[in-house]
């Protein structure tokens, strides 16, 4: 009987490929990626500036939009980049201190930046196009409780214009898509680094991998609890964030169950160039 045995070559240290020695070279090679990144930043800023579609909302529809308006979120928007971007980047830097692989550090940071920003552009584009009222839209539109309608039955809001504008941005949830975009990317990254699928059956590794996703889910739940989003907004936001994070991660890294799933594609190519690579050996067994 013939059996394939995969022989893994030793993992070499990348002490010779640090930020100081190769950082500028790697960044220069990906300058177009960083240029597009800043273009996406400008696009998202524009999407937040323009007026969203003001969906027709009559008196009957308002019956489901009278939840309390809490001006202060449980998790404010300024905190989202901290745990969706800063936290993952901190983990990347800790790993870099251990491995000294500039390719891993650069691609991980670029990947999580793209993940969060692409998710933000997709989310804000849909928000502006759909214009779905938030669950607390009534008290955004009529803060004093005095209703007013146009001739066609649509609401005639007299609340703060900026607050009313945000009231038409319920679908999908930006907090949730951002959170899943950054934390799902971190989950993929940890999955590869701890070798969760090395077939040794360590359940503790699974807990480490799923922890970021649990936190992202709690962020989404807080949006429903604050009456800023419907549950469908949060569900869709989680799908957008997870899908974008997966695509961005796999753009730079192999699947975690791969024999070299701990390293980015660029590092694997460098190892192969230097003669360090994984191979499969055929052996005849009785």
C-alpha atoms as a PDB file:
ATOM      1  CA  UNK A   1       0.000   0.000   0.000  1.00  0.00           C
ATOM      2  CA  UNK A   2       1.339   3.381  -0.982  1.00  0.00           C
ATOM      3  CA  UNK A   3       0.967   6.291   1.392  1.00  0.00           C
ATOM      4  CA  UNK A   4       1.831   9.974   0.952  1.00  0.00           C
ATOM      5  CA  UNK A   5       3.748  11.450   3.865  1.00  0.00           C
ATOM      6  CA  UNK A   6       4.138  15.219   3.948  1.00  0.00           C
ATOM      7  CA  UNK A   7       7.537  16.183   5.267  1.00  0.00           C
ATOM      8  CA  UNK A   8       7.737  19.683   6.661  1.00  0.00           C
ATOM      9  CA  UNK A   9      11.056  21.407   6.417  1.00  0.00           C
ATOM     10  CA  UNK A  10      12.238  23.483   9.384  1.00  0.00           C
ATOM     11  CA  UNK A  11      10.810  26.972   9.703  1.00  0.00           C
ATOM     12  CA  UNK A  12      13.667  29.410   9.258  1.00  0.00           C
ATOM     13  CA  UNK A  13      13.903  32.688  11.075  1.00  0.00           C
ATOM     14  CA  UNK A  14      13.573  35.877   9.026  1.00  0.00           C
ATOM     15  CA  UNK A  15      15.969  37.980  11.101  1.00  0.00           C
ATOM     16  CA  UNK A  16      17.506  39.237   7.868  1.00  0.00           C
ATOM     17  CA  UNK A  17      14.191  40.595   6.583  1.00  0.00           C
ATOM     18  CA  UNK A  18      13.276  43.262   9.099  1.00  0.00           C
ATOM     19  CA  UNK A  19      11.509  46.594   8.815  1.00  0.00           C
ATOM     20  CA  UNK A  20      14.852  48.369   8.911  1.00  0.00           C
ATOM     21  CA  UNK A  21      16.503  46.261   6.216  1.00  0.00           C
ATOM     22  CA  UNK A  22      13.611  45.519   3.862  1.00  0.00           C
ATOM     23  CA  UNK A  23      10.696  47.680   5.037  1.00  0.00           C
ATOM     24  CA  UNK A  24      11.172  50.446   2.472  1.00  0.00           C
ATOM     25  CA  UNK A  25      11.621  47.909  -0.320  1.00  0.00           C
ATOM     26  CA  UNK A  26       8.407  46.062   0.559  1.00  0.00           C
ATOM     27  CA  UNK A  27       6.422  49.294   0.933  1.00  0.00           C
ATOM     28  CA  UNK A  28       7.735  50.571  -2.410  1.00  0.00           C
ATOM     29  CA  UNK A  29       6.729  47.335  -4.099  1.00  0.00           C
ATOM     30  CA  UNK A  30       3.179  47.823  -2.816  1.00  0.00           C
ATOM     31  CA  UNK A  31       2.970  51.595  -3.320  1.00  0.00           C
ATOM     32  CA  UNK A  32       0.034  51.194  -5.721  1.00  0.00           C
ATOM     33  CA  UNK A  33      -1.870  49.262  -3.058  1.00  0.00           C
ATOM     34  CA  UNK A  34      -1.294  52.060  -0.554  1.00  0.00           C
ATOM     35  CA  UNK A  35      -2.288  54.678  -3.133  1.00  0.00           C
ATOM     36  CA  UNK A  36      -5.590  52.879  -3.756  1.00  0.00           C
ATOM     37  CA  UNK A  37      -6.032  52.638   0.006  1.00  0.00           C
ATOM     38  CA  UNK A  38      -6.037  56.429   0.323  1.00  0.00           C
ATOM     39  CA  UNK A  39      -8.421  56.682  -2.625  1.00  0.00           C
ATOM     40  CA  UNK A  40     -10.802  54.390  -0.725  1.00  0.00           C
ATOM     41  CA  UNK A  41     -10.440  56.616   2.350  1.00  0.00           C
ATOM     42  CA  UNK A  42     -11.548  59.605   0.266  1.00  0.00           C
ATOM     43  CA  UNK A  43     -14.440  57.593  -1.187  1.00  0.00           C
ATOM     44  CA  UNK A  44     -15.711  56.622   2.248  1.00  0.00           C
ATOM     45  CA  UNK A  45     -15.446  60.215   3.421  1.00  0.00           C
ATOM     46  CA  UNK A  46     -17.542  61.301   0.452  1.00  0.00           C
ATOM     47  CA  UNK A  47     -20.139  58.600   1.143  1.00  0.00           C
ATOM     48  CA  UNK A  48     -20.523  59.880   4.702  1.00  0.00           C
ATOM     49  CA  UNK A  49     -20.831  63.471   3.484  1.00  0.00           C
ATOM     50  CA  UNK A  50     -23.603  63.057   0.920  1.00  0.00           C
ATOM     51  CA  UNK A  51     -27.289  62.876   1.781  1.00  0.00           C
ATOM     52  CA  UNK A  52     -28.675  59.320   1.887  1.00  0.00           C
ATOM     53  CA  UNK A  53     -31.871  58.339   0.102  1.00  0.00           C
ATOM     54  CA  UNK A  54     -34.800  59.534   2.209  1.00  0.00           C
ATOM     55  CA  UNK A  55     -37.090  56.532   2.076  1.00  0.00           C
ATOM     56  CA  UNK A  56     -40.831  57.203   2.113  1.00  0.00           C
ATOM     57  CA  UNK A  57     -42.077  56.838   5.679  1.00  0.00           C
ATOM     58  CA  UNK A  58     -45.756  57.389   6.529  1.00  0.00           C
ATOM     59  CA  UNK A  59     -47.631  57.396   9.841  1.00  0.00           C
ATOM     60  CA  UNK A  60     -48.330  53.652   9.764  1.00  0.00           C
ATOM     61  CA  UNK A  61     -44.679  52.808   9.170  1.00  0.00           C
ATOM     62  CA  UNK A  62     -43.662  55.020  12.089  1.00  0.00           C
ATOM     63  CA  UNK A  63     -45.421  52.655  14.510  1.00  0.00           C
ATOM     64  CA  UNK A  64     -42.402  50.316  14.269  1.00  0.00           C
ATOM     65  CA  UNK A  65     -39.849  53.131  14.539  1.00  0.00           C
ATOM     66  CA  UNK A  66     -40.714  54.579  17.952  1.00  0.00           C
ATOM     67  CA  UNK A  67     -37.933  53.023  19.993  1.00  0.00           C
ATOM     68  CA  UNK A  68     -36.070  55.343  22.409  1.00  0.00           C
ATOM     69  CA  UNK A  69     -33.382  57.540  20.896  1.00  0.00           C
ATOM     70  CA  UNK A  70     -30.128  57.112  22.846  1.00  0.00           C
ATOM     71  CA  UNK A  71     -27.682  59.751  21.659  1.00  0.00           C
ATOM     72  CA  UNK A  72     -24.727  57.998  23.332  1.00  0.00           C
ATOM     73  CA  UNK A  73     -23.936  54.541  21.985  1.00  0.00           C
ATOM     74  CA  UNK A  74     -22.828  51.699  24.217  1.00  0.00           C
ATOM     75  CA  UNK A  75     -19.850  51.403  21.868  1.00  0.00           C
ATOM     76  CA  UNK A  76     -19.151  54.793  20.223  1.00  0.00           C
ATOM     77  CA  UNK A  77     -17.969  54.941  16.628  1.00  0.00           C
ATOM     78  CA  UNK A  78     -14.546  56.297  17.619  1.00  0.00           C
ATOM     79  CA  UNK A  79     -13.903  53.091  19.577  1.00  0.00           C
ATOM     80  CA  UNK A  80     -14.522  50.787  16.602  1.00  0.00           C
ATOM     81  CA  UNK A  81     -11.164  51.452  14.840  1.00  0.00           C
ATOM     82  CA  UNK A  82      -9.384  50.744  18.138  1.00  0.00           C
ATOM     83  CA  UNK A  83     -10.505  47.124  18.412  1.00  0.00           C
ATOM     84  CA  UNK A  84     -11.017  46.558  14.662  1.00  0.00           C
ATOM     85  CA  UNK A  85      -7.648  47.960  13.520  1.00  0.00           C
ATOM     86  CA  UNK A  86      -5.356  48.906  16.426  1.00  0.00           C
ATOM     87  CA  UNK A  87      -5.871  45.638  18.315  1.00  0.00           C
ATOM     88  CA  UNK A  88      -5.075  43.405  15.303  1.00  0.00           C
ATOM     89  CA  UNK A  89      -2.048  45.559  14.428  1.00  0.00           C
ATOM     90  CA  UNK A  90      -0.800  45.180  18.001  1.00  0.00           C
ATOM     91  CA  UNK A  91      -0.984  41.408  17.621  1.00  0.00           C
ATOM     92  CA  UNK A  92       0.886  41.671  14.308  1.00  0.00           C
ATOM     93  CA  UNK A  93       3.638  43.720  15.970  1.00  0.00           C
ATOM     94  CA  UNK A  94       3.957  41.212  18.811  1.00  0.00           C
ATOM     95  CA  UNK A  95       4.370  38.406  16.297  1.00  0.00           C
ATOM     96  CA  UNK A  96       6.890  40.481  14.343  1.00  0.00           C
ATOM     97  CA  UNK A  97       8.955  40.884  17.506  1.00  0.00           C
ATOM     98  CA  UNK A  98       9.049  37.089  17.697  1.00  0.00           C
ATOM     99  CA  UNK A  99       9.538  36.207  14.003  1.00  0.00           C
ATOM    100  CA  UNK A 100      11.193  39.330  12.526  1.00  0.00           C
ATOM    101  CA  UNK A 101       9.413  38.831   9.207  1.00  0.00           C
ATOM    102  CA  UNK A 102       8.697  42.158   7.521  1.00  0.00           C
ATOM    103  CA  UNK A 103       6.565  40.427   4.888  1.00  0.00           C
ATOM    104  CA  UNK A 104       4.220  39.056   7.521  1.00  0.00           C
ATOM    105  CA  UNK A 105       3.966  42.413   9.302  1.00  0.00           C
ATOM    106  CA  UNK A 106       3.424  44.475   6.153  1.00  0.00           C
ATOM    107  CA  UNK A 107       0.892  42.150   4.535  1.00  0.00           C
ATOM    108  CA  UNK A 108      -1.042  41.676   7.758  1.00  0.00           C
ATOM    109  CA  UNK A 109      -1.322  45.435   8.335  1.00  0.00           C
ATOM    110  CA  UNK A 110      -2.168  46.129   4.686  1.00  0.00           C
ATOM    111  CA  UNK A 111      -4.681  43.287   4.726  1.00  0.00           C
ATOM    112  CA  UNK A 112      -6.562  44.438   7.828  1.00  0.00           C
ATOM    113  CA  UNK A 113      -6.559  48.051   6.592  1.00  0.00           C
ATOM    114  CA  UNK A 114      -8.073  46.960   3.295  1.00  0.00           C
ATOM    115  CA  UNK A 115     -10.519  44.643   5.028  1.00  0.00           C
ATOM    116  CA  UNK A 116     -11.967  47.379   7.233  1.00  0.00           C
ATOM    117  CA  UNK A 117     -11.942  50.064   4.557  1.00  0.00           C
ATOM    118  CA  UNK A 118     -13.469  47.958   1.777  1.00  0.00           C
ATOM    119  CA  UNK A 119     -16.161  46.813   4.203  1.00  0.00           C
ATOM    120  CA  UNK A 120     -16.778  50.461   5.135  1.00  0.00           C
ATOM    121  CA  UNK A 121     -17.111  51.573   1.494  1.00  0.00           C
ATOM    122  CA  UNK A 122     -19.513  48.711   0.715  1.00  0.00           C
ATOM    123  CA  UNK A 123     -21.545  49.353   3.870  1.00  0.00           C
ATOM    124  CA  UNK A 124     -21.790  53.134   3.422  1.00  0.00           C
ATOM    125  CA  UNK A 125     -22.658  52.754  -0.260  1.00  0.00           C
ATOM    126  CA  UNK A 126     -25.579  50.481   0.632  1.00  0.00           C
ATOM    127  CA  UNK A 127     -26.615  52.778   3.485  1.00  0.00           C
ATOM    128  CA  UNK A 128     -26.872  55.779   1.163  1.00  0.00           C
ATOM    129  CA  UNK A 129     -28.654  53.819  -1.553  1.00  0.00           C
ATOM    130  CA  UNK A 130     -31.214  52.065   0.673  1.00  0.00           C
ATOM    131  CA  UNK A 131     -32.020  54.836   3.159  1.00  0.00           C
ATOM    132  CA  UNK A 132     -33.705  52.544   5.678  1.00  0.00           C
ATOM    133  CA  UNK A 133     -34.971  54.386   8.792  1.00  0.00           C
ATOM    134  CA  UNK A 134     -33.478  53.364  12.120  1.00  0.00           C
ATOM    135  CA  UNK A 135     -35.648  51.871  14.891  1.00  0.00           C
ATOM    136  CA  UNK A 136     -35.430  55.221  16.744  1.00  0.00           C
ATOM    137  CA  UNK A 137     -36.275  57.273  13.643  1.00  0.00           C
ATOM    138  CA  UNK A 138     -39.498  58.710  15.116  1.00  0.00           C
ATOM    139  CA  UNK A 139     -37.710  60.661  17.854  1.00  0.00           C
ATOM    140  CA  UNK A 140     -35.013  61.757  15.446  1.00  0.00           C
ATOM    141  CA  UNK A 141     -37.649  63.159  13.127  1.00  0.00           C
ATOM    142  CA  UNK A 142     -40.019  64.482  15.820  1.00  0.00           C
ATOM    143  CA  UNK A 143     -37.935  65.085  18.976  1.00  0.00           C
ATOM    144  CA  UNK A 144     -40.882  66.874  20.646  1.00  0.00           C
ATOM    145  CA  UNK A 145     -43.360  64.153  19.665  1.00  0.00           C
ATOM    146  CA  UNK A 146     -45.338  66.517  17.405  1.00  0.00           C
ATOM    147  CA  UNK A 147     -45.912  64.765  14.075  1.00  0.00           C
ATOM    148  CA  UNK A 148     -45.932  66.526  10.716  1.00  0.00           C
ATOM    149  CA  UNK A 149     -46.443  65.060   7.251  1.00  0.00           C
ATOM    150  CA  UNK A 150     -46.197  66.182   3.664  1.00  0.00           C
ATOM    151  CA  UNK A 151     -49.106  66.110   1.217  1.00  0.00           C
ATOM    152  CA  UNK A 152     -48.118  62.638  -0.002  1.00  0.00           C
ATOM    153  CA  UNK A 153     -48.083  61.244   3.535  1.00  0.00           C
ATOM    154  CA  UNK A 154     -44.308  61.220   3.927  1.00  0.00           C
ATOM    155  CA  UNK A 155     -42.799  62.546   7.145  1.00  0.00           C
ATOM    156  CA  UNK A 156     -41.875  66.207   7.426  1.00  0.00           C
ATOM    157  CA  UNK A 157     -39.081  66.140   9.992  1.00  0.00           C
ATOM    158  CA  UNK A 158     -38.240  69.131  12.157  1.00  0.00           C
ATOM    159  CA  UNK A 159     -35.455  67.545  14.194  1.00  0.00           C
ATOM    160  CA  UNK A 160     -31.742  68.322  13.930  1.00  0.00           C
ATOM    161  CA  UNK A 161     -30.824  67.840  10.223  1.00  0.00           C
ATOM    162  CA  UNK A 162     -27.675  65.870  11.052  1.00  0.00           C
ATOM    163  CA  UNK A 163     -29.546  63.573  13.437  1.00  0.00           C
ATOM    164  CA  UNK A 164     -32.315  63.053  10.876  1.00  0.00           C
ATOM    165  CA  UNK A 165     -29.712  62.353   8.182  1.00  0.00           C
ATOM    166  CA  UNK A 166     -28.185  59.589  10.304  1.00  0.00           C
ATOM    167  CA  UNK A 167     -31.682  58.264  10.904  1.00  0.00           C
ATOM    168  CA  UNK A 168     -31.843  57.094   7.281  1.00  0.00           C
ATOM    169  CA  UNK A 169     -28.670  54.969   7.596  1.00  0.00           C
ATOM    170  CA  UNK A 170     -29.892  51.854   9.331  1.00  0.00           C
ATOM    171  CA  UNK A 171     -29.090  49.173   6.737  1.00  0.00           C
ATOM    172  CA  UNK A 172     -26.564  47.642   7.087  1.00  0.00           C
ATOM    173  CA  UNK A 173     -24.808  48.183  10.429  1.00  0.00           C
ATOM    174  CA  UNK A 174     -21.478  49.974  10.056  1.00  0.00           C
ATOM    175  CA  UNK A 175     -20.309  49.129  13.579  1.00  0.00           C
ATOM    176  CA  UNK A 176     -20.905  45.459  12.843  1.00  0.00           C
ATOM    177  CA  UNK A 177     -19.324  45.324   9.383  1.00  0.00           C
ATOM    178  CA  UNK A 178     -16.235  47.188  10.610  1.00  0.00           C
ATOM    179  CA  UNK A 179     -15.937  44.949  13.667  1.00  0.00           C
ATOM    180  CA  UNK A 180     -16.231  41.718  11.724  1.00  0.00           C
ATOM    181  CA  UNK A 181     -13.910  43.021   8.983  1.00  0.00           C
ATOM    182  CA  UNK A 182     -11.104  43.685  11.464  1.00  0.00           C
ATOM    183  CA  UNK A 183     -11.716  40.946  14.013  1.00  0.00           C
ATOM    184  CA  UNK A 184     -12.519  38.201  11.491  1.00  0.00           C
ATOM    185  CA  UNK A 185      -9.216  39.053   9.782  1.00  0.00           C
ATOM    186  CA  UNK A 186      -7.526  38.728  13.182  1.00  0.00           C
ATOM    187  CA  UNK A 187      -9.289  35.405  13.697  1.00  0.00           C
ATOM    188  CA  UNK A 188      -7.926  34.101  10.372  1.00  0.00           C
ATOM    189  CA  UNK A 189      -4.462  35.372  11.307  1.00  0.00           C
ATOM    190  CA  UNK A 190      -4.489  33.681  14.714  1.00  0.00           C
ATOM    191  CA  UNK A 191      -5.799  30.503  13.145  1.00  0.00           C
ATOM    192  CA  UNK A 192      -2.721  30.308  10.952  1.00  0.00           C
ATOM    193  CA  UNK A 193      -0.237  31.326  13.635  1.00  0.00           C
ATOM    194  CA  UNK A 194      -1.418  28.888  16.341  1.00  0.00           C
ATOM    195  CA  UNK A 195      -1.846  26.165  13.677  1.00  0.00           C
ATOM    196  CA  UNK A 196      -5.389  25.436  14.767  1.00  0.00           C
ATOM    197  CA  UNK A 197      -5.843  22.819  12.028  1.00  0.00           C
ATOM    198  CA  UNK A 198      -2.623  20.863  12.540  1.00  0.00           C
ATOM    199  CA  UNK A 199      -4.718  17.716  13.213  1.00  0.00           C
ATOM    200  CA  UNK A 200      -3.549  17.470  16.808  1.00  0.00           C
ATOM    201  CA  UNK A 201      -6.986  18.261  18.199  1.00  0.00           C
ATOM    202  CA  UNK A 202      -6.181  21.052  20.667  1.00  0.00           C
ATOM    203  CA  UNK A 203      -9.559  22.657  21.480  1.00  0.00           C
ATOM    204  CA  UNK A 204      -7.847  25.546  23.276  1.00  0.00           C
ATOM    205  CA  UNK A 205      -6.626  26.809  19.909  1.00  0.00           C
ATOM    206  CA  UNK A 206     -10.216  26.968  18.666  1.00  0.00           C
ATOM    207  CA  UNK A 207     -11.148  29.154  21.644  1.00  0.00           C
ATOM    208  CA  UNK A 208      -8.336  31.566  20.778  1.00  0.00           C
ATOM    209  CA  UNK A 209      -9.484  31.748  17.162  1.00  0.00           C
ATOM    210  CA  UNK A 210     -13.165  32.297  17.978  1.00  0.00           C
ATOM    211  CA  UNK A 211     -12.632  34.949  20.671  1.00  0.00           C
ATOM    212  CA  UNK A 212     -12.357  37.887  18.225  1.00  0.00           C
ATOM    213  CA  UNK A 213     -15.552  36.752  16.479  1.00  0.00           C
ATOM    214  CA  UNK A 214     -17.381  36.612  19.800  1.00  0.00           C
ATOM    215  CA  UNK A 215     -16.407  40.201  20.535  1.00  0.00           C
ATOM    216  CA  UNK A 216     -17.510  41.303  17.057  1.00  0.00           C
ATOM    217  CA  UNK A 217     -20.874  39.585  17.613  1.00  0.00           C
ATOM    218  CA  UNK A 218     -21.329  41.403  20.933  1.00  0.00           C
ATOM    219  CA  UNK A 219     -20.681  44.707  19.178  1.00  0.00           C
ATOM    220  CA  UNK A 220     -23.468  43.892  16.738  1.00  0.00           C
ATOM    221  CA  UNK A 221     -25.826  42.934  19.558  1.00  0.00           C
ATOM    222  CA  UNK A 222     -25.137  46.265  21.282  1.00  0.00           C
ATOM    223  CA  UNK A 223     -26.437  48.057  18.171  1.00  0.00           C
ATOM    224  CA  UNK A 224     -29.770  46.305  18.493  1.00  0.00           C
ATOM    225  CA  UNK A 225     -29.871  46.930  22.250  1.00  0.00           C
ATOM    226  CA  UNK A 226     -29.249  50.648  21.658  1.00  0.00           C
ATOM    227  CA  UNK A 227     -32.134  50.700  19.121  1.00  0.00           C
ATOM    228  CA  UNK A 228     -29.846  52.054  16.419  1.00  0.00           C
ATOM    229  CA  UNK A 229     -30.313  49.031  14.169  1.00  0.00           C
ATOM    230  CA  UNK A 230     -32.737  46.280  13.270  1.00  0.00           C
ATOM    231  CA  UNK A 231     -31.428  42.736  13.686  1.00  0.00           C
ATOM    232  CA  UNK A 232     -31.334  42.319   9.907  1.00  0.00           C
ATOM    233  CA  UNK A 233     -28.979  45.317   9.687  1.00  0.00           C
ATOM    234  CA  UNK A 234     -26.581  43.642  12.096  1.00  0.00           C
ATOM    235  CA  UNK A 235     -26.818  40.251  10.406  1.00  0.00           C
ATOM    236  CA  UNK A 236     -26.053  41.753   6.986  1.00  0.00           C
ATOM    237  CA  UNK A 237     -23.188  43.805   8.416  1.00  0.00           C
ATOM    238  CA  UNK A 238     -21.623  40.676   9.900  1.00  0.00           C
ATOM    239  CA  UNK A 239     -21.836  38.896   6.537  1.00  0.00           C
ATOM    240  CA  UNK A 240     -20.222  41.824   4.696  1.00  0.00           C
ATOM    241  CA  UNK A 241     -17.408  42.119   7.233  1.00  0.00           C
ATOM    242  CA  UNK A 242     -16.685  38.382   7.381  1.00  0.00           C
ATOM    243  CA  UNK A 243     -16.662  37.894   3.600  1.00  0.00           C
ATOM    244  CA  UNK A 244     -14.406  40.914   2.983  1.00  0.00           C
ATOM    245  CA  UNK A 245     -12.044  39.855   5.807  1.00  0.00           C
ATOM    246  CA  UNK A 246     -11.771  36.349   4.376  1.00  0.00           C
ATOM    247  CA  UNK A 247     -10.992  37.619   0.881  1.00  0.00           C
ATOM    248  CA  UNK A 248      -8.392  40.105   2.131  1.00  0.00           C
ATOM    249  CA  UNK A 249      -6.685  37.523   4.333  1.00  0.00           C
ATOM    250  CA  UNK A 250      -6.499  34.872   1.606  1.00  0.00           C
ATOM    251  CA  UNK A 251      -5.087  37.479  -0.756  1.00  0.00           C
ATOM    252  CA  UNK A 252      -1.921  37.613   1.356  1.00  0.00           C
ATOM    253  CA  UNK A 253      -1.928  34.332   3.311  1.00  0.00           C
ATOM    254  CA  UNK A 254      -2.683  30.665   2.499  1.00  0.00           C
ATOM    255  CA  UNK A 255      -5.502  28.726   4.152  1.00  0.00           C
ATOM    256  CA  UNK A 256      -4.614  27.987   7.806  1.00  0.00           C
ATOM    257  CA  UNK A 257      -4.784  24.219   7.259  1.00  0.00           C
ATOM    258  CA  UNK A 258      -2.038  24.462   4.612  1.00  0.00           C
ATOM    259  CA  UNK A 259       1.321  23.023   5.582  1.00  0.00           C
ATOM    260  CA  UNK A 260       2.734  26.570   5.480  1.00  0.00           C
ATOM    261  CA  UNK A 261      -0.447  28.238   6.728  1.00  0.00           C
ATOM    262  CA  UNK A 262       1.535  30.166   9.363  1.00  0.00           C
ATOM    263  CA  UNK A 263       3.336  32.359   6.789  1.00  0.00           C
ATOM    264  CA  UNK A 264       2.272  34.873   4.104  1.00  0.00           C
ATOM    265  CA  UNK A 265       2.655  33.954   0.446  1.00  0.00           C
ATOM    266  CA  UNK A 266       5.622  36.318   0.098  1.00  0.00           C
ATOM    267  CA  UNK A 267       7.529  34.584   2.905  1.00  0.00           C
ATOM    268  CA  UNK A 268       6.796  31.160   1.441  1.00  0.00           C
ATOM    269  CA  UNK A 269       8.240  32.279  -1.896  1.00  0.00           C
ATOM    270  CA  UNK A 270      11.312  33.608  -0.102  1.00  0.00           C
ATOM    271  CA  UNK A 271      11.768  30.294   1.701  1.00  0.00           C
ATOM    272  CA  UNK A 272      11.450  28.392  -1.589  1.00  0.00           C
ATOM    273  CA  UNK A 273      13.935  30.744  -3.218  1.00  0.00           C
ATOM    274  CA  UNK A 274      16.438  29.990  -0.450  1.00  0.00           C
ATOM    275  CA  UNK A 275      15.835  26.253  -0.685  1.00  0.00           C
ATOM    276  CA  UNK A 276      13.614  25.907   2.383  1.00  0.00           C
ATOM    277  CA  UNK A 277      10.298  24.401   1.346  1.00  0.00           C
ATOM    278  CA  UNK A 278       7.804  21.710   2.269  1.00  0.00           C
ATOM    279  CA  UNK A 279       7.603  18.597   0.168  1.00  0.00           C
ATOM    280  CA  UNK A 280       5.649  15.372  -0.191  1.00  0.00           C
ATOM    281  CA  UNK A 281       7.436  12.043  -0.170  1.00  0.00           C
ATOM    282  CA  UNK A 282       5.961   8.766  -1.424  1.00  0.00           C
ATOM    283  CA  UNK A 283       6.719   5.719   0.709  1.00  0.00           C
ATOM    284  CA  UNK A 284       5.756   2.080   0.212  1.00  0.00           C
ATOM    285  CA  UNK A 285       4.263   0.557   3.328  1.00  0.00           C
ATOM    286  CA  UNK A 286       3.063  -2.944   4.012  1.00  0.00           C
END
